[in-house]
């Protein structure tokens, strides 16, 4: 799965989702007014959520995948304006068979593009 969130200059947040070459949007839920939240489905039916919001002059990024299966390994990369700022591995855990990554990145001048990508090497799901 691959998600894209863009933040326009001057602190106003606007968003888009880039998945399989199509641009789409989804409503924010359970987030601060200034947060941008996008959700969707992975290539084999797991759910993802990407939330970006301001945090003391930086950007707080929360990326989650819910596969509904415990013990599944995922490789994750978070990018900011094309450069990886976090790469790692997570394993889905009980009770919901999900994982979450919470990281912060600098708030660059102008528009910011945040991309989260996760891949399950066992199943090939992205």
PDB file of N, CA and C in Angstrom:
ATOM      1  N   UNK A   1       0.840  -1.150   0.000  1.00  0.00           N
ATOM      2  CA  UNK A   1       0.000   0.000   0.000  1.00  0.00           C
ATOM      3  C   UNK A   1       0.882   1.207   0.000  1.00  0.00           C
ATOM      4  N   UNK A   2       0.428   2.242  -0.646  1.00  0.00           N
ATOM      5  CA  UNK A   2       1.231   3.445  -0.739  1.00  0.00           C
ATOM      6  C   UNK A   2       0.286   4.624  -0.594  1.00  0.00           C
ATOM      7  N   UNK A   3       0.600   5.503   0.319  1.00  0.00           N
ATOM      8  CA  UNK A   3      -0.256   6.645   0.556  1.00  0.00           C
ATOM      9  C   UNK A   3       0.543   7.922   0.389  1.00  0.00           C
ATOM     10  N   UNK A   4      -0.155   8.988   0.021  1.00  0.00           N
ATOM     11  CA  UNK A   4       0.484  10.271  -0.172  1.00  0.00           C
ATOM     12  C   UNK A   4      -0.350  11.334   0.507  1.00  0.00           C
ATOM     13  N   UNK A   5       0.279  12.150   1.330  1.00  0.00           N
ATOM     14  CA  UNK A   5      -0.415  13.288   1.929  1.00  0.00           C
ATOM     15  C   UNK A   5       0.404  14.516   1.629  1.00  0.00           C
ATOM     16  N   UNK A   6      -0.242  15.559   1.159  1.00  0.00           N
ATOM     17  CA  UNK A   6       0.431  16.818   0.867  1.00  0.00           C
ATOM     18  C   UNK A   6      -0.061  17.889   1.814  1.00  0.00           C
ATOM     19  N   UNK A   7       0.870  18.758   2.261  1.00  0.00           N
ATOM     20  CA  UNK A   7       0.506  19.881   3.093  1.00  0.00           C
ATOM     21  C   UNK A   7       0.922  21.142   2.362  1.00  0.00           C
ATOM     22  N   UNK A   8      -0.033  22.030   2.131  1.00  0.00           N
ATOM     23  CA  UNK A   8       0.258  23.277   1.449  1.00  0.00           C
ATOM     24  C   UNK A   8       0.986  24.233   2.390  1.00  0.00           C
ATOM     25  N   UNK A   9       1.652  25.231   1.815  1.00  0.00           N
ATOM     26  CA  UNK A   9       2.395  26.223   2.605  1.00  0.00           C
ATOM     27  C   UNK A   9       1.470  26.994   3.531  1.00  0.00           C
ATOM     28  N   UNK A  10       2.049  27.630   4.532  1.00  0.00           N
ATOM     29  CA  UNK A  10       1.365  28.479   5.502  1.00  0.00           C
ATOM     30  C   UNK A  10       0.470  27.686   6.451  1.00  0.00           C
ATOM     31  N   UNK A  11       0.737  26.403   6.621  1.00  0.00           N
ATOM     32  CA  UNK A  11       0.060  25.621   7.648  1.00  0.00           C
ATOM     33  C   UNK A  11      -1.307  25.081   7.271  1.00  0.00           C
ATOM     34  N   UNK A  12      -1.835  25.437   6.138  1.00  0.00           N
ATOM     35  CA  UNK A  12      -3.133  24.893   5.738  1.00  0.00           C
ATOM     36  C   UNK A  12      -2.896  23.507   5.160  1.00  0.00           C
ATOM     37  N   UNK A  13      -3.636  22.524   5.628  1.00  0.00           N
ATOM     38  CA  UNK A  13      -3.427  21.162   5.173  1.00  0.00           C
ATOM     39  C   UNK A  13      -4.406  20.816   4.061  1.00  0.00           C
ATOM     40  N   UNK A  14      -3.853  20.307   2.983  1.00  0.00           N
ATOM     41  CA  UNK A  14      -4.679  19.749   1.918  1.00  0.00           C
ATOM     42  C   UNK A  14      -4.140  18.362   1.646  1.00  0.00           C
ATOM     43  N   UNK A  15      -4.975  17.476   1.106  1.00  0.00           N
ATOM     44  CA  UNK A  15      -4.506  16.097   1.001  1.00  0.00           C
ATOM     45  C   UNK A  15      -4.884  15.449  -0.298  1.00  0.00           C
ATOM     46  N   UNK A  16      -4.185  14.381  -0.562  1.00  0.00           N
ATOM     47  CA  UNK A  16      -4.506  13.494  -1.670  1.00  0.00           C
ATOM     48  C   UNK A  16      -3.960  12.129  -1.342  1.00  0.00           C
ATOM     49  N   UNK A  17      -4.448  11.120  -2.008  1.00  0.00           N
ATOM     50  CA  UNK A  17      -3.975   9.754  -1.808  1.00  0.00           C
ATOM     51  C   UNK A  17      -3.534   9.230  -3.149  1.00  0.00           C
ATOM     52  N   UNK A  18      -2.316   8.716  -3.204  1.00  0.00           N
ATOM     53  CA  UNK A  18      -1.830   8.116  -4.428  1.00  0.00           C
ATOM     54  C   UNK A  18      -1.781   6.615  -4.221  1.00  0.00           C
ATOM     55  N   UNK A  19      -2.642   5.914  -4.908  1.00  0.00           N
ATOM     56  CA  UNK A  19      -2.668   4.451  -4.795  1.00  0.00           C
ATOM     57  C   UNK A  19      -2.950   3.890  -6.177  1.00  0.00           C
ATOM     58  N   UNK A  20      -2.104   3.040  -6.636  1.00  0.00           N
ATOM     59  CA  UNK A  20      -2.201   2.425  -7.960  1.00  0.00           C
ATOM     60  C   UNK A  20      -2.500   3.462  -9.043  1.00  0.00           C
ATOM     61  N   UNK A  21      -1.842   4.619  -8.942  1.00  0.00           N
ATOM     62  CA  UNK A  21      -1.937   5.614  -9.990  1.00  0.00           C
ATOM     63  C   UNK A  21      -3.192   6.458  -9.980  1.00  0.00           C
ATOM     64  N   UNK A  22      -4.040   6.320  -8.983  1.00  0.00           N
ATOM     65  CA  UNK A  22      -5.282   7.082  -8.955  1.00  0.00           C
ATOM     66  C   UNK A  22      -5.260   8.038  -7.776  1.00  0.00           C
ATOM     67  N   UNK A  23      -5.829   9.217  -7.951  1.00  0.00           N
ATOM     68  CA  UNK A  23      -5.915  10.209  -6.888  1.00  0.00           C
ATOM     69  C   UNK A  23      -7.314  10.160  -6.296  1.00  0.00           C
ATOM     70  N   UNK A  24      -7.399  10.026  -4.963  1.00  0.00           N
ATOM     71  CA  UNK A  24      -8.689   9.949  -4.286  1.00  0.00           C
ATOM     72  C   UNK A  24      -8.553  10.614  -2.930  1.00  0.00           C
ATOM     73  N   UNK A  25      -9.669  10.924  -2.308  1.00  0.00           N
ATOM     74  CA  UNK A  25      -9.648  11.493  -0.968  1.00  0.00           C
ATOM     75  C   UNK A  25     -10.648  10.778  -0.092  1.00  0.00           C
ATOM     76  N   UNK A  26     -10.436  10.887   1.217  1.00  0.00           N
ATOM     77  CA  UNK A  26     -11.340  10.277   2.193  1.00  0.00           C
ATOM     78  C   UNK A  26     -11.497  11.241   3.351  1.00  0.00           C
ATOM     79  N   UNK A  27     -12.635  11.228   4.049  1.00  0.00           N
ATOM     80  CA  UNK A  27     -12.855  12.162   5.135  1.00  0.00           C
ATOM     81  C   UNK A  27     -12.009  11.851   6.358  1.00  0.00           C
ATOM     82  N   UNK A  28     -11.686  12.890   7.133  1.00  0.00           N
ATOM     83  CA  UNK A  28     -10.961  12.709   8.393  1.00  0.00           C
ATOM     84  C   UNK A  28     -11.932  12.247   9.469  1.00  0.00           C
ATOM     85  N   UNK A  29     -11.430  11.380  10.362  1.00  0.00           N
ATOM     86  CA  UNK A  29     -12.248  10.944  11.483  1.00  0.00           C
ATOM     87  C   UNK A  29     -11.392  10.907  12.731  1.00  0.00           C
ATOM     88  N   UNK A  30     -11.947  11.246  13.857  1.00  0.00           N
ATOM     89  CA  UNK A  30     -11.291  11.162  15.161  1.00  0.00           C
ATOM     90  C   UNK A  30      -9.902  11.772  15.144  1.00  0.00           C
ATOM     91  N   UNK A  31      -9.777  12.969  14.595  1.00  0.00           N
ATOM     92  CA  UNK A  31      -8.483  13.631  14.537  1.00  0.00           C
ATOM     93  C   UNK A  31      -8.650  15.093  14.913  1.00  0.00           C
ATOM     94  N   UNK A  32      -7.512  15.725  15.266  1.00  0.00           N
ATOM     95  CA  UNK A  32      -7.546  17.153  15.528  1.00  0.00           C
ATOM     96  C   UNK A  32      -7.956  17.872  14.255  1.00  0.00           C
ATOM     97  N   UNK A  33      -8.512  19.081  14.380  1.00  0.00           N
ATOM     98  CA  UNK A  33      -8.970  19.831  13.213  1.00  0.00           C
ATOM     99  C   UNK A  33      -7.871  20.047  12.181  1.00  0.00           C
ATOM    100  N   UNK A  34      -6.619  20.168  12.617  1.00  0.00           N
ATOM    101  CA  UNK A  34      -5.525  20.435  11.692  1.00  0.00           C
ATOM    102  C   UNK A  34      -4.881  19.170  11.132  1.00  0.00           C
ATOM    103  N   UNK A  35      -5.285  17.994  11.607  1.00  0.00           N
ATOM    104  CA  UNK A  35      -4.739  16.744  11.088  1.00  0.00           C
ATOM    105  C   UNK A  35      -5.375  16.394   9.753  1.00  0.00           C
ATOM    106  N   UNK A  36      -4.607  15.688   8.917  1.00  0.00           N
ATOM    107  CA  UNK A  36      -5.116  15.151   7.666  1.00  0.00           C
ATOM    108  C   UNK A  36      -5.070  13.636   7.782  1.00  0.00           C
ATOM    109  N   UNK A  37      -6.197  12.989   7.521  1.00  0.00           N
ATOM    110  CA  UNK A  37      -6.294  11.540   7.660  1.00  0.00           C
ATOM    111  C   UNK A  37      -6.814  10.957   6.357  1.00  0.00           C
ATOM    112  N   UNK A  38      -6.154   9.918   5.908  1.00  0.00           N
ATOM    113  CA  UNK A  38      -6.612   9.181   4.743  1.00  0.00           C
ATOM    114  C   UNK A  38      -6.620   7.699   5.084  1.00  0.00           C
ATOM    115  N   UNK A  39      -7.594   6.975   4.548  1.00  0.00           N
ATOM    116  CA  UNK A  39      -7.722   5.548   4.786  1.00  0.00           C
ATOM    117  C   UNK A  39      -7.991   4.844   3.471  1.00  0.00           C
ATOM    118  N   UNK A  40      -7.739   3.541   3.457  1.00  0.00           N
ATOM    119  CA  UNK A  40      -8.027   2.775   2.251  1.00  0.00           C
ATOM    120  C   UNK A  40      -7.730   1.310   2.457  1.00  0.00           C
ATOM    121  N   UNK A  41      -7.752   0.581   1.356  1.00  0.00           N
ATOM    122  CA  UNK A  41      -7.511  -0.854   1.374  1.00  0.00           C
ATOM    123  C   UNK A  41      -6.188  -1.170   0.686  1.00  0.00           C
ATOM    124  N   UNK A  42      -5.511  -2.163   1.220  1.00  0.00           N
ATOM    125  CA  UNK A  42      -4.272  -2.666   0.624  1.00  0.00           C
ATOM    126  C   UNK A  42      -4.633  -3.583  -0.554  1.00  0.00           C
ATOM    127  N   UNK A  43      -3.600  -4.112  -1.211  1.00  0.00           N
ATOM    128  CA  UNK A  43      -3.815  -4.903  -2.419  1.00  0.00           C
ATOM    129  C   UNK A  43      -4.531  -6.232  -2.185  1.00  0.00           C
ATOM    130  N   UNK A  44      -4.516  -6.736  -0.916  1.00  0.00           N
ATOM    131  CA  UNK A  44      -5.185  -8.005  -0.636  1.00  0.00           C
ATOM    132  C   UNK A  44      -6.234  -7.859   0.462  1.00  0.00           C
ATOM    133  N   UNK A  45      -6.722  -6.644   0.686  1.00  0.00           N
ATOM    134  CA  UNK A  45      -7.849  -6.454   1.587  1.00  0.00           C
ATOM    135  C   UNK A  45      -7.543  -5.946   2.976  1.00  0.00           C
ATOM    136  N   UNK A  46      -6.284  -5.842   3.370  1.00  0.00           N
ATOM    137  CA  UNK A  46      -5.981  -5.217   4.662  1.00  0.00           C
ATOM    138  C   UNK A  46      -6.334  -3.738   4.573  1.00  0.00           C
ATOM    139  N   UNK A  47      -6.522  -3.100   5.718  1.00  0.00           N
ATOM    140  CA  UNK A  47      -6.853  -1.681   5.768  1.00  0.00           C
ATOM    141  C   UNK A  47      -5.642  -0.875   6.197  1.00  0.00           C
ATOM    142  N   UNK A  48      -5.513   0.356   5.682  1.00  0.00           N
ATOM    143  CA  UNK A  48      -4.440   1.249   6.089  1.00  0.00           C
ATOM    144  C   UNK A  48      -5.010   2.605   6.488  1.00  0.00           C
ATOM    145  N   UNK A  49      -4.242   3.313   7.306  1.00  0.00           N
ATOM    146  CA  UNK A  49      -4.596   4.682   7.692  1.00  0.00           C
ATOM    147  C   UNK A  49      -3.298   5.469   7.803  1.00  0.00           C
ATOM    148  N   UNK A  50      -3.299   6.667   7.237  1.00  0.00           N
ATOM    149  CA  UNK A  50      -2.169   7.584   7.331  1.00  0.00           C
ATOM    150  C   UNK A  50      -2.692   8.911   7.852  1.00  0.00           C
ATOM    151  N   UNK A  51      -2.093   9.373   8.959  1.00  0.00           N
ATOM    152  CA  UNK A  51      -2.499  10.646   9.560  1.00  0.00           C
ATOM    153  C   UNK A  51      -1.260  11.516   9.702  1.00  0.00           C
ATOM    154  N   UNK A  52      -1.376  12.785   9.277  1.00  0.00           N
ATOM    155  CA  UNK A  52      -0.288  13.750   9.398  1.00  0.00           C
ATOM    156  C   UNK A  52      -0.847  15.010  10.020  1.00  0.00           C
ATOM    157  N   UNK A  53      -0.106  15.557  10.978  1.00  0.00           N
ATOM    158  CA  UNK A  53      -0.542  16.792  11.619  1.00  0.00           C
ATOM    159  C   UNK A  53       0.633  17.538  12.209  1.00  0.00           C
ATOM    160  N   UNK A  54       0.431  18.815  12.495  1.00  0.00           N
ATOM    161  CA  UNK A  54       1.502  19.621  13.081  1.00  0.00           C
ATOM    162  C   UNK A  54       1.783  19.209  14.521  1.00  0.00           C
ATOM    163  N   UNK A  55       3.059  19.312  14.918  1.00  0.00           N
ATOM    164  CA  UNK A  55       3.463  18.968  16.276  1.00  0.00           C
ATOM    165  C   UNK A  55       4.703  19.775  16.641  1.00  0.00           C
ATOM    166  N   UNK A  56       4.517  20.896  17.343  1.00  0.00           N
ATOM    167  CA  UNK A  56       5.622  21.750  17.791  1.00  0.00           C
ATOM    168  C   UNK A  56       6.580  22.112  16.663  1.00  0.00           C
ATOM    169  N   UNK A  57       6.053  22.561  15.541  1.00  0.00           N
ATOM    170  CA  UNK A  57       6.870  22.986  14.420  1.00  0.00           C
ATOM    171  C   UNK A  57       7.336  21.858  13.517  1.00  0.00           C
ATOM    172  N   UNK A  58       6.996  20.634  13.853  1.00  0.00           N
ATOM    173  CA  UNK A  58       7.348  19.463  13.042  1.00  0.00           C
ATOM    174  C   UNK A  58       6.064  18.828  12.522  1.00  0.00           C
ATOM    175  N   UNK A  59       6.188  17.747  11.795  1.00  0.00           N
ATOM    176  CA  UNK A  59       5.037  16.987  11.335  1.00  0.00           C
ATOM    177  C   UNK A  59       5.017  15.638  12.047  1.00  0.00           C
ATOM    178  N   UNK A  60       3.883  15.312  12.641  1.00  0.00           N
ATOM    179  CA  UNK A  60       3.689  14.008  13.261  1.00  0.00           C
ATOM    180  C   UNK A  60       3.013  13.104  12.241  1.00  0.00           C
ATOM    181  N   UNK A  61       3.611  11.943  12.006  1.00  0.00           N
ATOM    182  CA  UNK A  61       3.107  10.988  11.027  1.00  0.00           C
ATOM    183  C   UNK A  61       2.720   9.710  11.756  1.00  0.00           C
ATOM    184  N   UNK A  62       1.479   9.275  11.566  1.00  0.00           N
ATOM    185  CA  UNK A  62       0.996   8.016  12.113  1.00  0.00           C
ATOM    186  C   UNK A  62       0.522   7.156  10.950  1.00  0.00           C
ATOM    187  N   UNK A  63       1.111   5.977  10.835  1.00  0.00           N
ATOM    188  CA  UNK A  63       0.814   5.063   9.738  1.00  0.00           C
ATOM    189  C   UNK A  63       0.423   3.722  10.344  1.00  0.00           C
ATOM    190  N   UNK A  64      -0.747   3.205   9.969  1.00  0.00           N
ATOM    191  CA  UNK A  64      -1.259   1.957  10.535  1.00  0.00           C
ATOM    192  C   UNK A  64      -1.702   1.013   9.426  1.00  0.00           C
ATOM    193  N   UNK A  65      -1.525  -0.285   9.678  1.00  0.00           N
ATOM    194  CA  UNK A  65      -2.076  -1.322   8.810  1.00  0.00           C
ATOM    195  C   UNK A  65      -2.806  -2.315   9.701  1.00  0.00           C
ATOM    196  N   UNK A  66      -4.040  -2.649   9.327  1.00  0.00           N
ATOM    197  CA  UNK A  66      -4.850  -3.631  10.056  1.00  0.00           C
ATOM    198  C   UNK A  66      -5.134  -4.788   9.111  1.00  0.00           C
ATOM    199  N   UNK A  67      -4.479  -5.913   9.375  1.00  0.00           N
ATOM    200  CA  UNK A  67      -4.609  -7.092   8.528  1.00  0.00           C
ATOM    201  C   UNK A  67      -5.579  -8.113   9.104  1.00  0.00           C
ATOM    202  N   UNK A  68      -5.956  -7.953  10.378  1.00  0.00           N
ATOM    203  CA  UNK A  68      -6.816  -8.905  11.081  1.00  0.00           C
ATOM    204  C   UNK A  68      -6.180 -10.284  11.201  1.00  0.00           C
ATOM    205  N   UNK A  69      -4.846 -10.341  11.160  1.00  0.00           N
ATOM    206  CA  UNK A  69      -4.105 -11.585  11.381  1.00  0.00           C
ATOM    207  C   UNK A  69      -2.875 -11.241  12.204  1.00  0.00           C
ATOM    208  N   UNK A  70      -2.692 -11.894  13.324  1.00  0.00           N
ATOM    209  CA  UNK A  70      -1.533 -11.662  14.185  1.00  0.00           C
ATOM    210  C   UNK A  70      -0.293 -12.356  13.629  1.00  0.00           C
ATOM    211  N   UNK A  71       0.880 -11.790  13.932  1.00  0.00           N
ATOM    212  CA  UNK A  71       2.142 -12.425  13.598  1.00  0.00           C
ATOM    213  C   UNK A  71       2.628 -12.241  12.175  1.00  0.00           C
ATOM    214  N   UNK A  72       2.024 -11.335  11.423  1.00  0.00           N
ATOM    215  CA  UNK A  72       2.443 -11.092  10.041  1.00  0.00           C
ATOM    216  C   UNK A  72       3.487  -9.966  10.005  1.00  0.00           C
ATOM    217  N   UNK A  73       4.623 -10.209   9.353  1.00  0.00           N
ATOM    218  CA  UNK A  73       5.701  -9.220   9.247  1.00  0.00           C
ATOM    219  C   UNK A  73       5.451  -8.295   8.058  1.00  0.00           C
ATOM    220  N   UNK A  74       5.757  -7.016   8.248  1.00  0.00           N
ATOM    221  CA  UNK A  74       5.628  -6.007   7.202  1.00  0.00           C
ATOM    222  C   UNK A  74       6.896  -5.166   7.170  1.00  0.00           C
ATOM    223  N   UNK A  75       7.333  -4.791   5.963  1.00  0.00           N
ATOM    224  CA  UNK A  75       8.429  -3.849   5.765  1.00  0.00           C
ATOM    225  C   UNK A  75       7.809  -2.488   5.471  1.00  0.00           C
ATOM    226  N   UNK A  76       8.259  -1.456   6.176  1.00  0.00           N
ATOM    227  CA  UNK A  76       7.646  -0.133   6.072  1.00  0.00           C
ATOM    228  C   UNK A  76       8.694   0.906   5.733  1.00  0.00           C
ATOM    229  N   UNK A  77       8.312   1.861   4.865  1.00  0.00           N
ATOM    230  CA  UNK A  77       9.137   3.028   4.568  1.00  0.00           C
ATOM    231  C   UNK A  77       8.248   4.259   4.626  1.00  0.00           C
ATOM    232  N   UNK A  78       8.706   5.278   5.352  1.00  0.00           N
ATOM    233  CA  UNK A  78       8.043   6.579   5.379  1.00  0.00           C
ATOM    234  C   UNK A  78       8.961   7.574   4.685  1.00  0.00           C
ATOM    235  N   UNK A  79       8.399   8.333   3.736  1.00  0.00           N
ATOM    236  CA  UNK A  79       9.179   9.320   2.997  1.00  0.00           C
ATOM    237  C   UNK A  79       8.581  10.709   3.177  1.00  0.00           C
ATOM    238  N   UNK A  80       9.465  11.691   3.188  1.00  0.00           N
ATOM    239  CA  UNK A  80       9.073  13.095   3.254  1.00  0.00           C
ATOM    240  C   UNK A  80       9.752  13.798   2.091  1.00  0.00           C
ATOM    241  N   UNK A  81       8.951  14.327   1.182  1.00  0.00           N
ATOM    242  CA  UNK A  81       9.450  14.988  -0.025  1.00  0.00           C
ATOM    243  C   UNK A  81      10.443  14.103  -0.778  1.00  0.00           C
ATOM    244  N   UNK A  82      10.138  12.813  -0.871  1.00  0.00           N
ATOM    245  CA  UNK A  82      10.926  11.874  -1.648  1.00  0.00           C
ATOM    246  C   UNK A  82      12.079  11.203  -0.921  1.00  0.00           C
ATOM    247  N   UNK A  83      12.440  11.696   0.269  1.00  0.00           N
ATOM    248  CA  UNK A  83      13.557  11.119   1.025  1.00  0.00           C
ATOM    249  C   UNK A  83      13.025  10.302   2.197  1.00  0.00           C
ATOM    250  N   UNK A  84      13.533   9.084   2.354  1.00  0.00           N
ATOM    251  CA  UNK A  84      13.102   8.237   3.470  1.00  0.00           C
ATOM    252  C   UNK A  84      13.552   8.858   4.787  1.00  0.00           C
ATOM    253  N   UNK A  85      12.601   8.993   5.732  1.00  0.00           N
ATOM    254  CA  UNK A  85      12.969   9.459   7.065  1.00  0.00           C
ATOM    255  C   UNK A  85      12.788   8.359   8.102  1.00  0.00           C
ATOM    256  N   UNK A  86      12.186   7.229   7.703  1.00  0.00           N
ATOM    257  CA  UNK A  86      12.124   6.060   8.583  1.00  0.00           C
ATOM    258  C   UNK A  86      11.878   4.820   7.740  1.00  0.00           C
ATOM    259  N   UNK A  87      12.649   3.785   8.024  1.00  0.00           N
ATOM    260  CA  UNK A  87      12.475   2.477   7.403  1.00  0.00           C
ATOM    261  C   UNK A  87      12.581   1.443   8.510  1.00  0.00           C
ATOM    262  N   UNK A  88      11.695   0.475   8.505  1.00  0.00           N
ATOM    263  CA  UNK A  88      11.751  -0.548   9.541  1.00  0.00           C
ATOM    264  C   UNK A  88      10.796  -1.689   9.265  1.00  0.00           C
ATOM    265  N   UNK A  89      10.662  -2.538  10.266  1.00  0.00           N
ATOM    266  CA  UNK A  89       9.808  -3.723  10.178  1.00  0.00           C
ATOM    267  C   UNK A  89       8.843  -3.704  11.359  1.00  0.00           C
ATOM    268  N   UNK A  90       7.635  -4.132  11.125  1.00  0.00           N
ATOM    269  CA  UNK A  90       6.630  -4.276  12.178  1.00  0.00           C
ATOM    270  C   UNK A  90       5.930  -5.608  11.987  1.00  0.00           C
ATOM    271  N   UNK A  91       5.404  -6.123  13.097  1.00  0.00           N
ATOM    272  CA  UNK A  91       4.645  -7.375  13.078  1.00  0.00           C
ATOM    273  C   UNK A  91       3.250  -7.087  13.612  1.00  0.00           C
ATOM    274  N   UNK A  92       2.249  -7.605  12.922  1.00  0.00           N
ATOM    275  CA  UNK A  92       0.879  -7.401  13.376  1.00  0.00           C
ATOM    276  C   UNK A  92       0.679  -8.112  14.704  1.00  0.00           C
ATOM    277  N   UNK A  93      -0.037  -7.454  15.604  1.00  0.00           N
ATOM    278  CA  UNK A  93      -0.226  -7.947  16.977  1.00  0.00           C
ATOM    279  C   UNK A  93      -1.705  -7.968  17.348  1.00  0.00           C
ATOM    280  N   UNK A  94      -2.003  -8.748  18.394  1.00  0.00           N
ATOM    281  CA  UNK A  94      -3.349  -8.795  18.971  1.00  0.00           C
ATOM    282  C   UNK A  94      -3.624  -7.445  19.643  1.00  0.00           C
ATOM    283  N   UNK A  95      -4.855  -7.062  19.836  1.00  0.00           N
ATOM    284  CA  UNK A  95      -6.045  -7.867  19.585  1.00  0.00           C
ATOM    285  C   UNK A  95      -6.568  -7.773  18.158  1.00  0.00           C
ATOM    286  N   UNK A  96      -6.106  -6.804  17.355  1.00  0.00           N
ATOM    287  CA  UNK A  96      -6.734  -6.599  16.053  1.00  0.00           C
ATOM    288  C   UNK A  96      -5.908  -7.062  14.863  1.00  0.00           C
ATOM    289  N   UNK A  97      -4.722  -7.613  15.079  1.00  0.00           N
ATOM    290  CA  UNK A  97      -3.894  -8.023  13.957  1.00  0.00           C
ATOM    291  C   UNK A  97      -3.394  -6.841  13.168  1.00  0.00           C
ATOM    292  N   UNK A  98      -2.920  -5.830  13.896  1.00  0.00           N
ATOM    293  CA  UNK A  98      -2.483  -4.595  13.244  1.00  0.00           C
ATOM    294  C   UNK A  98      -1.129  -4.146  13.792  1.00  0.00           C
ATOM    295  N   UNK A  99      -0.566  -3.116  13.144  1.00  0.00           N
ATOM    296  CA  UNK A  99       0.614  -2.435  13.663  1.00  0.00           C
ATOM    297  C   UNK A  99       0.458  -0.948  13.391  1.00  0.00           C
ATOM    298  N   UNK A 100       1.210  -0.147  14.128  1.00  0.00           N
ATOM    299  CA  UNK A 100       1.216   1.302  13.927  1.00  0.00           C
ATOM    300  C   UNK A 100       2.648   1.808  14.030  1.00  0.00           C
ATOM    301  N   UNK A 101       2.957   2.812  13.221  1.00  0.00           N
ATOM    302  CA  UNK A 101       4.242   3.503  13.261  1.00  0.00           C
ATOM    303  C   UNK A 101       3.935   4.963  13.547  1.00  0.00           C
ATOM    304  N   UNK A 102       4.547   5.521  14.590  1.00  0.00           N
ATOM    305  CA  UNK A 102       4.384   6.928  14.945  1.00  0.00           C
ATOM    306  C   UNK A 102       5.754   7.587  14.904  1.00  0.00           C
ATOM    307  N   UNK A 103       5.948   8.509  13.961  1.00  0.00           N
ATOM    308  CA  UNK A 103       7.233   9.190  13.786  1.00  0.00           C
ATOM    309  C   UNK A 103       7.004  10.674  13.535  1.00  0.00           C
ATOM    310  N   UNK A 104       8.054  11.445  13.731  1.00  0.00           N
ATOM    311  CA  UNK A 104       8.018  12.875  13.446  1.00  0.00           C
ATOM    312  C   UNK A 104       9.103  13.206  12.427  1.00  0.00           C
ATOM    313  N   UNK A 105       8.823  14.218  11.612  1.00  0.00           N
ATOM    314  CA  UNK A 105       9.775  14.687  10.613  1.00  0.00           C
ATOM    315  C   UNK A 105       9.726  16.208  10.578  1.00  0.00           C
ATOM    316  N   UNK A 106      10.800  16.819  10.091  1.00  0.00           N
ATOM    317  CA  UNK A 106      10.840  18.273   9.998  1.00  0.00           C
ATOM    318  C   UNK A 106       9.756  18.769   9.059  1.00  0.00           C
ATOM    319  N   UNK A 107       9.254  19.961   9.334  1.00  0.00           N
ATOM    320  CA  UNK A 107       8.266  20.601   8.487  1.00  0.00           C
ATOM    321  C   UNK A 107       9.031  21.491   7.514  1.00  0.00           C
ATOM    322  N   UNK A 108       9.199  21.033   6.287  1.00  0.00           N
ATOM    323  CA  UNK A 108       9.973  21.760   5.282  1.00  0.00           C
ATOM    324  C   UNK A 108       9.233  23.020   4.846  1.00  0.00           C
ATOM    325  N   UNK A 109       9.994  23.973   4.334  1.00  0.00           N
ATOM    326  CA  UNK A 109       9.391  25.180   3.775  1.00  0.00           C
ATOM    327  C   UNK A 109       8.553  24.796   2.562  1.00  0.00           C
ATOM    328  N   UNK A 110       7.414  25.433   2.398  1.00  0.00           N
ATOM    329  CA  UNK A 110       6.543  25.132   1.270  1.00  0.00           C
ATOM    330  C   UNK A 110       5.719  23.885   1.514  1.00  0.00           C
ATOM    331  N   UNK A 111       5.334  23.248   0.432  1.00  0.00           N
ATOM    332  CA  UNK A 111       4.478  22.059   0.508  1.00  0.00           C
ATOM    333  C   UNK A 111       5.293  20.849   0.929  1.00  0.00           C
ATOM    334  N   UNK A 112       4.687  19.990   1.742  1.00  0.00           N
ATOM    335  CA  UNK A 112       5.301  18.740   2.178  1.00  0.00           C
ATOM    336  C   UNK A 112       4.534  17.579   1.564  1.00  0.00           C
ATOM    337  N   UNK A 113       5.269  16.553   1.142  1.00  0.00           N
ATOM    338  CA  UNK A 113       4.657  15.334   0.638  1.00  0.00           C
ATOM    339  C   UNK A 113       5.115  14.189   1.534  1.00  0.00           C
ATOM    340  N   UNK A 114       4.163  13.519   2.155  1.00  0.00           N
ATOM    341  CA  UNK A 114       4.446  12.384   3.034  1.00  0.00           C
ATOM    342  C   UNK A 114       3.914  11.126   2.359  1.00  0.00           C
ATOM    343  N   UNK A 115       4.774  10.114   2.229  1.00  0.00           N
ATOM    344  CA  UNK A 115       4.386   8.846   1.612  1.00  0.00           C
ATOM    345  C   UNK A 115       4.683   7.729   2.597  1.00  0.00           C
ATOM    346  N   UNK A 116       3.723   6.852   2.818  1.00  0.00           N
ATOM    347  CA  UNK A 116       3.918   5.661   3.620  1.00  0.00           C
ATOM    348  C   UNK A 116       3.720   4.439   2.747  1.00  0.00           C
ATOM    349  N   UNK A 117       4.655   3.506   2.818  1.00  0.00           N
ATOM    350  CA  UNK A 117       4.545   2.285   2.021  1.00  0.00           C
ATOM    351  C   UNK A 117       4.832   1.092   2.924  1.00  0.00           C
ATOM    352  N   UNK A 118       3.992   0.065   2.819  1.00  0.00           N
ATOM    353  CA  UNK A 118       4.185  -1.161   3.598  1.00  0.00           C
ATOM    354  C   UNK A 118       4.026  -2.349   2.659  1.00  0.00           C
ATOM    355  N   UNK A 119       4.850  -3.385   2.897  1.00  0.00           N
ATOM    356  CA  UNK A 119       4.789  -4.585   2.073  1.00  0.00           C
ATOM    357  C   UNK A 119       4.969  -5.815   2.975  1.00  0.00           C
ATOM    358  N   UNK A 120       4.070  -6.764   2.821  1.00  0.00           N
ATOM    359  CA  UNK A 120       4.153  -8.038   3.527  1.00  0.00           C
ATOM    360  C   UNK A 120       4.936  -8.989   2.622  1.00  0.00           C
ATOM    361  N   UNK A 121       6.229  -9.289   2.966  1.00  0.00           N
ATOM    362  CA  UNK A 121       7.041 -10.117   2.070  1.00  0.00           C
ATOM    363  C   UNK A 121       6.536 -11.558   1.939  1.00  0.00           C
ATOM    364  N   UNK A 122       5.781 -12.046   2.921  1.00  0.00           N
ATOM    365  CA  UNK A 122       5.263 -13.423   2.874  1.00  0.00           C
ATOM    366  C   UNK A 122       4.128 -13.557   1.858  1.00  0.00           C
ATOM    367  N   UNK A 123       3.229 -12.562   1.848  1.00  0.00           N
ATOM    368  CA  UNK A 123       2.053 -12.648   0.973  1.00  0.00           C
ATOM    369  C   UNK A 123       2.188 -11.802  -0.289  1.00  0.00           C
ATOM    370  N   UNK A 124       3.111 -10.817  -0.271  1.00  0.00           N
ATOM    371  CA  UNK A 124       3.238  -9.888  -1.388  1.00  0.00           C
ATOM    372  C   UNK A 124       2.268  -8.732  -1.341  1.00  0.00           C
ATOM    373  N   UNK A 125       1.436  -8.693  -0.296  1.00  0.00           N
ATOM    374  CA  UNK A 125       0.470  -7.598  -0.175  1.00  0.00           C
ATOM    375  C   UNK A 125       1.178  -6.278   0.015  1.00  0.00           C
ATOM    376  N   UNK A 126       0.687  -5.238  -0.665  1.00  0.00           N
ATOM    377  CA  UNK A 126       1.224  -3.879  -0.514  1.00  0.00           C
ATOM    378  C   UNK A 126       0.099  -2.906  -0.271  1.00  0.00           C
TER     379      UNK A 126
END
